[in-house]
């Protein structure tokens, strides 16, 4: 179960130096709509939401597909985070975001599509 806040944003330079994420790959995924990132006014680099990254800075395929599905449906990242915070089941401690790192993400994508 992921315990960190979903709102943390990390600069591309930090991801590259601290985690070893390829900056070109980040840019490719951002441009293709598979990662959320923002560039605040006056900032020199993009900030990537930490929830999208797994161990070693890897971006699971399920995350890529979920972000793409949200964008295709017109969901903002804020709206997507509302979906990802939802609990899975009645008694489980997992949230939808956890499924993106534990499974192929089909259930999360279905939730995204139902929300849009």
Protein backbone atom coordinates (compact mmCIF):
# COMPACT_ATOMS: atom_id res chain seq x y z
CA UNK A 1 0.00 0.00 0.00
CA UNK A 2 1.37 3.41 -1.00
CA UNK A 3 1.56 5.77 1.96
CA UNK A 4 3.12 8.94 0.53
CA UNK A 5 0.88 11.87 -0.37
CA UNK A 6 -0.32 11.82 -3.95
CA UNK A 7 0.31 15.54 -4.46
CA UNK A 8 4.14 15.57 -4.22
CA UNK A 9 5.78 16.94 -7.36
CA UNK A 10 9.36 16.21 -8.37
CA UNK A 11 11.51 18.10 -10.88
CA UNK A 12 12.88 16.15 -13.83
CA UNK A 13 16.44 16.98 -12.77
CA UNK A 14 15.85 15.43 -9.32
CA UNK A 15 14.32 12.31 -10.86
CA UNK A 16 17.30 12.00 -13.20
CA UNK A 17 20.04 12.46 -10.60
CA UNK A 18 18.50 10.86 -7.52
CA UNK A 19 16.52 8.03 -9.04
CA UNK A 20 18.23 7.56 -12.38
CA UNK A 21 15.18 8.24 -14.52
CA UNK A 22 16.01 9.02 -18.15
CA UNK A 23 15.03 12.65 -18.83
CA UNK A 24 14.37 11.92 -22.51
CA UNK A 25 12.00 9.11 -21.52
CA UNK A 26 10.18 11.45 -19.10
CA UNK A 27 9.77 13.99 -21.88
CA UNK A 28 8.55 11.35 -24.32
CA UNK A 29 5.97 10.04 -21.83
CA UNK A 30 4.80 13.56 -20.95
CA UNK A 31 4.39 14.52 -24.60
CA UNK A 32 2.52 11.31 -25.42
CA UNK A 33 0.05 11.95 -22.58
CA UNK A 34 1.27 9.05 -20.43
CA UNK A 35 2.60 11.17 -17.53
CA UNK A 36 1.21 14.22 -15.80
CA UNK A 37 3.59 17.14 -15.38
CA UNK A 38 3.24 20.86 -14.83
CA UNK A 39 5.56 23.73 -15.53
CA UNK A 40 4.78 26.64 -13.21
CA UNK A 41 5.08 30.14 -14.64
CA UNK A 42 8.73 31.12 -14.82
CA UNK A 43 10.00 27.60 -14.06
CA UNK A 44 12.73 26.10 -16.18
CA UNK A 45 11.67 22.49 -15.90
CA UNK A 46 8.65 20.25 -15.63
CA UNK A 47 7.44 18.91 -12.28
CA UNK A 48 6.19 15.32 -12.29
CA UNK A 49 3.70 14.00 -9.77
CA UNK A 50 5.44 11.44 -7.57
CA UNK A 51 2.48 9.04 -7.46
CA UNK A 52 3.27 8.00 -11.06
CA UNK A 53 6.63 6.42 -10.16
CA UNK A 54 7.33 3.02 -8.67
CA UNK A 55 10.53 1.63 -7.19
CA UNK A 56 13.66 2.79 -8.99
CA UNK A 57 11.69 5.52 -10.75
CA UNK A 58 9.95 3.07 -13.05
CA UNK A 59 6.60 4.10 -14.51
CA UNK A 60 4.44 0.98 -14.65
CA UNK A 61 2.50 0.36 -17.84
CA UNK A 62 -0.74 0.48 -15.82
CA UNK A 63 0.08 4.05 -14.73
CA UNK A 64 0.78 5.06 -18.32
CA UNK A 65 -2.51 3.59 -19.49
CA UNK A 66 -4.47 5.17 -16.63
CA UNK A 67 -3.03 8.64 -17.28
CA UNK A 68 -3.71 8.26 -20.99
CA UNK A 69 -7.29 7.11 -20.29
CA UNK A 70 -7.86 10.08 -18.00
CA UNK A 71 -6.54 12.52 -20.59
CA UNK A 72 -8.57 10.88 -23.36
CA UNK A 73 -11.69 11.31 -21.22
CA UNK A 74 -10.86 14.91 -20.37
CA UNK A 75 -10.11 14.29 -16.70
CA UNK A 76 -7.66 16.65 -15.07
CA UNK A 77 -5.00 15.26 -12.79
CA UNK A 78 -6.95 16.62 -9.80
CA UNK A 79 -10.02 14.65 -10.89
CA UNK A 80 -7.90 11.55 -11.57
CA UNK A 81 -6.43 11.79 -8.05
CA UNK A 82 -9.97 11.73 -6.66
CA UNK A 83 -10.46 8.39 -8.42
CA UNK A 84 -7.08 7.07 -7.29
CA UNK A 85 -7.81 7.88 -3.63
CA UNK A 86 -10.93 5.69 -3.62
CA UNK A 87 -10.76 2.62 -1.42
CA UNK A 88 -10.86 -0.80 -3.04
CA UNK A 89 -13.52 -2.98 -1.46
CA UNK A 90 -15.23 -2.52 1.86
CA UNK A 91 -12.56 -3.79 4.24
CA UNK A 92 -9.30 -3.49 2.35
CA UNK A 93 -6.73 -0.82 3.03
CA UNK A 94 -5.75 -0.47 -0.62
CA UNK A 95 -6.72 2.43 -2.79
CA UNK A 96 -7.16 2.53 -6.55
CA UNK A 97 -3.65 3.95 -6.93
CA UNK A 98 -2.27 0.79 -5.30
CA UNK A 99 -3.84 -1.32 -8.05
CA UNK A 100 -1.76 0.52 -10.63
CA UNK A 101 1.35 -0.94 -9.01
CA UNK A 102 -0.08 -4.37 -8.20
CA UNK A 103 -2.02 -5.28 -11.34
CA UNK A 104 -2.56 -4.40 -14.97
CA UNK A 105 -4.79 -1.46 -13.98
CA UNK A 106 -7.94 -2.58 -15.80
CA UNK A 107 -10.13 -1.95 -12.77
CA UNK A 108 -8.71 1.55 -12.34
CA UNK A 109 -9.19 2.35 -16.01
CA UNK A 110 -12.81 1.15 -15.77
CA UNK A 111 -13.28 3.53 -12.80
CA UNK A 112 -11.76 6.37 -14.82
CA UNK A 113 -14.08 5.67 -17.73
CA UNK A 114 -17.11 5.48 -15.45
CA UNK A 115 -16.16 8.78 -13.80
CA UNK A 116 -15.72 10.74 -17.03
